[in-house]
Amino acid sequence: MSARENILNAIANNQPSLVALPEIERNAIIDYEDRYAQFKTVLESIGGTAELIPNLELVNEKIRLDRATDTFIVDTITGEANNEKQISLSAFELEKVERAYIRGTVAVAENGAVWVYESQMKNRLLPFICQHLVLIVDKKDIVSTLHDAYDTIKVGTEGFGVFIAGPSKTADIEQSLVIGAHGARSTTVYVIE
């Protein structure tokens, strides 16, 4: 037997026993009277913006305006034919994306985060490599807490999903806050009534 096989057999024979996940008691039920107002307040406090809009047509109009000004955008909303071609671009090509429009599944009032499945972003790089990220979520899909969000989403259905809260930021260098350091420089969330 080789050393490699000895190591793999030792690992296989010494697995820890499975332990059930703990039950989380939710004694302190958090619920906000106006979930949208709480979501907007928190998102804006971390550098993002939220805007309540009456319907998706306003987003479609913004997409048309961006296209008219020759801005390199990728939208996963309208389903136009050239979107699929853009989504399959390499990281080098996607680096030039000015704005990405992506539909979110659920928004969280307590921390300003939006859950996005891989199937919604179409390309895992897109929300992180674009200059400006625009997320769209329905007002009815704003929940109070992350616990509520995890009750809503189905984490195991896709290979990847992510909570996105505001633009990227870091304060590692001389404790100076830098927004847009390693991802989108701005995040806008359109909440559809």
C-alpha atoms as a PDB file:
ATOM      1  CA  MET A   1       0.000   0.000   0.000  1.00  0.00           C
ATOM      2  CA  SER A   2       1.279   3.483  -0.854  1.00  0.00           C
ATOM      3  CA  ALA A   3       1.599   6.334   1.612  1.00  0.00           C
ATOM      4  CA  ARG A   4      -1.284   8.081  -0.141  1.00  0.00           C
ATOM      5  CA  GLU A   5      -3.583   5.091   0.324  1.00  0.00           C
ATOM      6  CA  ASN A   6      -2.545   4.799   3.993  1.00  0.00           C
ATOM      7  CA  ILE A   7      -3.460   8.428   4.580  1.00  0.00           C
ATOM      8  CA  LEU A   8      -6.818   8.143   2.768  1.00  0.00           C
ATOM      9  CA  ASN A   9      -7.700   4.942   4.661  1.00  0.00           C
ATOM     10  CA  ALA A  10      -6.780   6.560   7.977  1.00  0.00           C
ATOM     11  CA  ILE A  11      -9.038   9.507   7.162  1.00  0.00           C
ATOM     12  CA  ALA A  12     -11.906   7.218   6.114  1.00  0.00           C
ATOM     13  CA  ASN A  13     -11.610   5.113   9.283  1.00  0.00           C
ATOM     14  CA  ASN A  14     -11.437   8.069  11.667  1.00  0.00           C
ATOM     15  CA  GLN A  15     -14.444  10.134  10.640  1.00  0.00           C
ATOM     16  CA  PRO A  16     -16.217  11.904  13.489  1.00  0.00           C
ATOM     17  CA  SER A  17     -19.763  10.774  14.203  1.00  0.00           C
ATOM     18  CA  LEU A  18     -22.487  12.931  12.744  1.00  0.00           C
ATOM     19  CA  VAL A  19     -24.117  15.371  15.107  1.00  0.00           C
ATOM     20  CA  ALA A  20     -27.558  16.805  14.487  1.00  0.00           C
ATOM     21  CA  LEU A  21     -27.744  20.511  13.844  1.00  0.00           C
ATOM     22  CA  PRO A  22     -28.870  22.458  16.880  1.00  0.00           C
ATOM     23  CA  GLU A  23     -32.431  23.677  17.128  1.00  0.00           C
ATOM     24  CA  ILE A  24     -32.472  27.442  17.154  1.00  0.00           C
ATOM     25  CA  GLU A  25     -34.974  28.911  19.549  1.00  0.00           C
ATOM     26  CA  ARG A  26     -36.374  32.128  18.262  1.00  0.00           C
ATOM     27  CA  ASN A  27     -37.487  33.600  21.559  1.00  0.00           C
ATOM     28  CA  ALA A  28     -37.036  37.179  20.507  1.00  0.00           C
ATOM     29  CA  ILE A  29     -39.225  37.519  17.449  1.00  0.00           C
ATOM     30  CA  ILE A  30     -38.116  40.527  15.461  1.00  0.00           C
ATOM     31  CA  ASP A  31     -40.602  42.041  13.087  1.00  0.00           C
ATOM     32  CA  TYR A  32     -40.597  45.521  11.655  1.00  0.00           C
ATOM     33  CA  GLU A  33     -43.774  47.522  11.181  1.00  0.00           C
ATOM     34  CA  ASP A  34     -42.511  48.793   7.839  1.00  0.00           C
ATOM     35  CA  ARG A  35     -39.999  46.282   6.462  1.00  0.00           C
ATOM     36  CA  TYR A  36     -39.215  48.396   3.417  1.00  0.00           C
ATOM     37  CA  ALA A  37     -38.382  51.454   5.545  1.00  0.00           C
ATOM     38  CA  GLN A  38     -36.064  49.363   7.753  1.00  0.00           C
ATOM     39  CA  PHE A  39     -34.434  47.749   4.698  1.00  0.00           C
ATOM     40  CA  LYS A  40     -33.877  51.162   3.069  1.00  0.00           C
ATOM     41  CA  THR A  41     -32.454  52.680   6.269  1.00  0.00           C
ATOM     42  CA  VAL A  42     -29.977  49.858   6.791  1.00  0.00           C
ATOM     43  CA  LEU A  43     -28.955  49.612   3.115  1.00  0.00           C
ATOM     44  CA  GLU A  44     -28.300  53.342   2.936  1.00  0.00           C
ATOM     45  CA  SER A  45     -26.286  53.226   6.165  1.00  0.00           C
ATOM     46  CA  ILE A  46     -23.897  50.732   4.531  1.00  0.00           C
ATOM     47  CA  GLY A  47     -23.469  52.697   1.300  1.00  0.00           C
ATOM     48  CA  GLY A  48     -26.244  51.349  -0.943  1.00  0.00           C
ATOM     49  CA  THR A  49     -29.450  52.942  -2.167  1.00  0.00           C
ATOM     50  CA  ALA A  50     -33.013  51.659  -2.244  1.00  0.00           C
ATOM     51  CA  GLU A  51     -35.866  53.015  -4.297  1.00  0.00           C
ATOM     52  CA  LEU A  52     -39.524  52.015  -4.234  1.00  0.00           C
ATOM     53  CA  ILE A  53     -40.960  51.783  -7.742  1.00  0.00           C
ATOM     54  CA  PRO A  54     -44.482  50.914  -8.892  1.00  0.00           C
ATOM     55  CA  ASN A  55     -43.590  48.303 -11.537  1.00  0.00           C
ATOM     56  CA  LEU A  56     -40.845  46.571 -13.500  1.00  0.00           C
ATOM     57  CA  GLU A  57     -41.417  48.797 -16.528  1.00  0.00           C
ATOM     58  CA  LEU A  58     -39.371  51.561 -14.875  1.00  0.00           C
ATOM     59  CA  VAL A  59     -36.392  49.204 -14.646  1.00  0.00           C
ATOM     60  CA  ASN A  60     -36.865  48.200 -18.281  1.00  0.00           C
ATOM     61  CA  GLU A  61     -36.851  51.913 -19.193  1.00  0.00           C
ATOM     62  CA  LYS A  62     -33.567  52.438 -17.311  1.00  0.00           C
ATOM     63  CA  ILE A  63     -32.090  49.465 -19.186  1.00  0.00           C
ATOM     64  CA  ARG A  64     -33.203  50.980 -22.522  1.00  0.00           C
ATOM     65  CA  LEU A  65     -31.640  54.341 -21.568  1.00  0.00           C
ATOM     66  CA  ASP A  66     -28.352  52.661 -20.627  1.00  0.00           C
ATOM     67  CA  ARG A  67     -28.308  50.850 -23.951  1.00  0.00           C
ATOM     68  CA  ALA A  68     -29.070  54.079 -25.834  1.00  0.00           C
ATOM     69  CA  THR A  69     -25.995  55.729 -24.290  1.00  0.00           C
ATOM     70  CA  ASP A  70     -23.774  52.807 -25.310  1.00  0.00           C
ATOM     71  CA  THR A  71     -23.114  51.839 -21.702  1.00  0.00           C
ATOM     72  CA  PHE A  72     -21.882  48.236 -21.480  1.00  0.00           C
ATOM     73  CA  ILE A  73     -24.594  46.659 -19.363  1.00  0.00           C
ATOM     74  CA  VAL A  74     -25.689  43.116 -18.712  1.00  0.00           C
ATOM     75  CA  ASP A  75     -29.274  42.581 -17.700  1.00  0.00           C
ATOM     76  CA  THR A  76     -30.732  39.300 -16.574  1.00  0.00           C
ATOM     77  CA  ILE A  77     -34.212  40.835 -16.399  1.00  0.00           C
ATOM     78  CA  THR A  78     -35.546  41.458 -19.915  1.00  0.00           C
ATOM     79  CA  GLY A  79     -34.510  38.163 -21.531  1.00  0.00           C
ATOM     80  CA  GLU A  80     -33.280  39.799 -24.746  1.00  0.00           C
ATOM     81  CA  ALA A  81     -31.257  37.637 -27.122  1.00  0.00           C
ATOM     82  CA  ASN A  82     -27.911  39.443 -26.798  1.00  0.00           C
ATOM     83  CA  ASN A  83     -28.001  39.060 -23.001  1.00  0.00           C
ATOM     84  CA  GLU A  84     -27.190  35.334 -23.178  1.00  0.00           C
ATOM     85  CA  LYS A  85     -24.143  36.079 -25.337  1.00  0.00           C
ATOM     86  CA  GLN A  86     -22.933  38.742 -22.891  1.00  0.00           C
ATOM     87  CA  ILE A  87     -23.472  36.512 -19.870  1.00  0.00           C
ATOM     88  CA  SER A  88     -21.157  33.828 -21.281  1.00  0.00           C
ATOM     89  CA  LEU A  89     -18.249  36.261 -21.637  1.00  0.00           C
ATOM     90  CA  SER A  90     -14.941  35.596 -19.889  1.00  0.00           C
ATOM     91  CA  ALA A  91     -13.813  37.415 -16.746  1.00  0.00           C
ATOM     92  CA  PHE A  92     -11.540  39.604 -18.868  1.00  0.00           C
ATOM     93  CA  GLU A  93     -14.472  40.654 -21.072  1.00  0.00           C
ATOM     94  CA  LEU A  94     -16.893  41.099 -18.155  1.00  0.00           C
ATOM     95  CA  GLU A  95     -14.423  43.430 -16.465  1.00  0.00           C
ATOM     96  CA  LYS A  96     -15.756  46.197 -18.682  1.00  0.00           C
ATOM     97  CA  VAL A  97     -19.390  45.847 -17.505  1.00  0.00           C
ATOM     98  CA  GLU A  98     -20.573  49.210 -16.264  1.00  0.00           C
ATOM     99  CA  ARG A  99     -23.944  48.122 -14.853  1.00  0.00           C
ATOM    100  CA  ALA A 100     -25.530  44.739 -14.116  1.00  0.00           C
ATOM    101  CA  TYR A 101     -29.277  44.320 -13.558  1.00  0.00           C
ATOM    102  CA  ILE A 102     -30.115  41.203 -11.544  1.00  0.00           C
ATOM    103  CA  ARG A 103     -33.354  39.969  -9.955  1.00  0.00           C
ATOM    104  CA  GLY A 104     -33.140  39.057  -6.260  1.00  0.00           C
ATOM    105  CA  THR A 105     -35.199  36.466  -4.406  1.00  0.00           C
ATOM    106  CA  VAL A 106     -35.577  37.871  -0.916  1.00  0.00           C
ATOM    107  CA  ALA A 107     -34.435  41.033   0.892  1.00  0.00           C
ATOM    108  CA  VAL A 108     -33.629  41.217   4.604  1.00  0.00           C
ATOM    109  CA  ALA A 109     -34.751  44.266   6.579  1.00  0.00           C
ATOM    110  CA  GLU A 110     -32.361  43.782   9.512  1.00  0.00           C
ATOM    111  CA  ASN A 111     -29.158  43.980   7.439  1.00  0.00           C
ATOM    112  CA  GLY A 112     -30.041  45.338   3.979  1.00  0.00           C
ATOM    113  CA  ALA A 113     -29.010  42.134   2.187  1.00  0.00           C
ATOM    114  CA  VAL A 114     -30.586  40.590  -0.918  1.00  0.00           C
ATOM    115  CA  TRP A 115     -30.355  36.853  -1.702  1.00  0.00           C
ATOM    116  CA  VAL A 116     -29.463  36.070  -5.317  1.00  0.00           C
ATOM    117  CA  TYR A 117     -29.394  32.545  -6.744  1.00  0.00           C
ATOM    118  CA  GLU A 118     -26.825  31.591  -9.368  1.00  0.00           C
ATOM    119  CA  SER A 119     -29.620  31.119 -11.907  1.00  0.00           C
ATOM    120  CA  GLN A 120     -30.657  34.742 -11.376  1.00  0.00           C
ATOM    121  CA  MET A 121     -27.173  36.175 -11.838  1.00  0.00           C
ATOM    122  CA  LYS A 122     -26.514  33.832 -14.803  1.00  0.00           C
ATOM    123  CA  ASN A 123     -22.771  34.223 -14.294  1.00  0.00           C
ATOM    124  CA  ARG A 124     -21.177  34.020 -10.834  1.00  0.00           C
ATOM    125  CA  LEU A 125     -18.807  36.870 -11.639  1.00  0.00           C
ATOM    126  CA  LEU A 126     -21.429  39.356 -12.695  1.00  0.00           C
ATOM    127  CA  PRO A 127     -22.487  40.932  -9.364  1.00  0.00           C
ATOM    128  CA  PHE A 128     -18.864  41.227  -8.239  1.00  0.00           C
ATOM    129  CA  ILE A 129     -17.111  42.378 -11.403  1.00  0.00           C
ATOM    130  CA  CYS A 130     -19.520  45.073 -12.590  1.00  0.00           C
ATOM    131  CA  GLN A 131     -18.959  48.719 -11.676  1.00  0.00           C
ATOM    132  CA  HIS A 132     -22.554  49.334 -10.568  1.00  0.00           C
ATOM    133  CA  LEU A 133     -24.948  46.636  -9.378  1.00  0.00           C
ATOM    134  CA  VAL A 134     -28.710  47.018  -9.655  1.00  0.00           C
ATOM    135  CA  LEU A 135     -30.826  44.455  -7.810  1.00  0.00           C
ATOM    136  CA  ILE A 136     -34.580  44.138  -8.216  1.00  0.00           C
ATOM    137  CA  VAL A 137     -36.798  42.600  -5.543  1.00  0.00           C
ATOM    138  CA  ASP A 138     -40.536  42.644  -4.822  1.00  0.00           C
ATOM    139  CA  LYS A 139     -41.700  44.504  -1.714  1.00  0.00           C
ATOM    140  CA  LYS A 140     -43.653  41.429  -0.588  1.00  0.00           C
ATOM    141  CA  ASP A 141     -40.330  39.521  -0.529  1.00  0.00           C
ATOM    142  CA  ILE A 142     -38.763  41.671   2.196  1.00  0.00           C
ATOM    143  CA  VAL A 143     -38.475  39.664   5.403  1.00  0.00           C
ATOM    144  CA  SER A 144     -37.481  40.899   8.850  1.00  0.00           C
ATOM    145  CA  THR A 145     -34.459  38.738   9.720  1.00  0.00           C
ATOM    146  CA  LEU A 146     -31.876  36.396   8.255  1.00  0.00           C
ATOM    147  CA  HIS A 147     -33.662  33.528  10.018  1.00  0.00           C
ATOM    148  CA  ASP A 148     -36.794  34.424   8.050  1.00  0.00           C
ATOM    149  CA  ALA A 149     -34.742  34.596   4.857  1.00  0.00           C
ATOM    150  CA  TYR A 150     -33.271  31.136   5.426  1.00  0.00           C
ATOM    151  CA  ASP A 151     -36.802  29.828   5.957  1.00  0.00           C
ATOM    152  CA  THR A 152     -37.672  31.263   2.539  1.00  0.00           C
ATOM    153  CA  ILE A 153     -34.692  30.323   0.359  1.00  0.00           C
ATOM    154  CA  LYS A 154     -33.739  26.826  -0.665  1.00  0.00           C
ATOM    155  CA  VAL A 155     -29.967  26.798  -0.260  1.00  0.00           C
ATOM    156  CA  GLY A 156     -29.441  23.287  -1.666  1.00  0.00           C
ATOM    157  CA  THR A 157     -31.345  23.763  -4.935  1.00  0.00           C
ATOM    158  CA  GLU A 158     -28.478  25.410  -6.791  1.00  0.00           C
ATOM    159  CA  GLY A 159     -24.718  25.221  -6.664  1.00  0.00           C
ATOM    160  CA  PHE A 160     -24.267  28.830  -5.657  1.00  0.00           C
ATOM    161  CA  GLY A 161     -26.150  31.733  -4.129  1.00  0.00           C
ATOM    162  CA  VAL A 162     -25.136  34.800  -2.165  1.00  0.00           C
ATOM    163  CA  PHE A 163     -26.437  37.525   0.113  1.00  0.00           C
ATOM    164  CA  ILE A 164     -25.363  40.915  -1.236  1.00  0.00           C
ATOM    165  CA  ALA A 165     -25.557  43.946   1.043  1.00  0.00           C
ATOM    166  CA  GLY A 166     -24.421  47.254  -0.377  1.00  0.00           C
ATOM    167  CA  PRO A 167     -21.302  48.009  -2.405  1.00  0.00           C
ATOM    168  CA  SER A 168     -18.021  46.330  -1.521  1.00  0.00           C
ATOM    169  CA  LYS A 169     -15.918  48.068   1.070  1.00  0.00           C
ATOM    170  CA  THR A 170     -12.766  47.668   3.104  1.00  0.00           C
ATOM    171  CA  ALA A 171     -10.975  49.570   5.830  1.00  0.00           C
ATOM    172  CA  ASP A 172      -7.835  47.420   5.860  1.00  0.00           C
ATOM    173  CA  ILE A 173      -5.499  50.106   4.566  1.00  0.00           C
ATOM    174  CA  GLU A 174      -4.719  52.610   7.313  1.00  0.00           C
ATOM    175  CA  GLN A 175      -8.272  52.149   8.661  1.00  0.00           C
ATOM    176  CA  SER A 176      -9.624  54.308   5.847  1.00  0.00           C
ATOM    177  CA  LEU A 177     -12.966  53.186   4.479  1.00  0.00           C
ATOM    178  CA  VAL A 178     -12.794  52.539   0.741  1.00  0.00           C
ATOM    179  CA  ILE A 179     -16.055  51.786  -1.067  1.00  0.00           C
ATOM    180  CA  GLY A 180     -15.871  49.718  -4.247  1.00  0.00           C
ATOM    181  CA  ALA A 181     -12.495  48.260  -3.338  1.00  0.00           C
ATOM    182  CA  HIS A 182     -12.999  44.730  -4.627  1.00  0.00           C
ATOM    183  CA  GLY A 183     -16.409  44.610  -6.266  1.00  0.00           C
ATOM    184  CA  ALA A 184     -19.246  46.861  -7.350  1.00  0.00           C
ATOM    185  CA  ARG A 185     -18.681  50.530  -6.539  1.00  0.00           C
ATOM    186  CA  SER A 186     -22.381  51.081  -5.980  1.00  0.00           C
ATOM    187  CA  THR A 187     -25.440  48.976  -5.252  1.00  0.00           C
ATOM    188  CA  THR A 188     -28.980  50.103  -5.980  1.00  0.00           C
ATOM    189  CA  VAL A 189     -31.987  48.016  -5.004  1.00  0.00           C
ATOM    190  CA  TYR A 190     -35.251  48.698  -6.793  1.00  0.00           C
ATOM    191  CA  VAL A 191     -38.146  47.460  -4.683  1.00  0.00           C
ATOM    192  CA  ILE A 192     -41.278  46.830  -6.726  1.00  0.00           C
ATOM    193  CA  GLU A 193     -44.542  47.586  -4.936  1.00  0.00           C
END
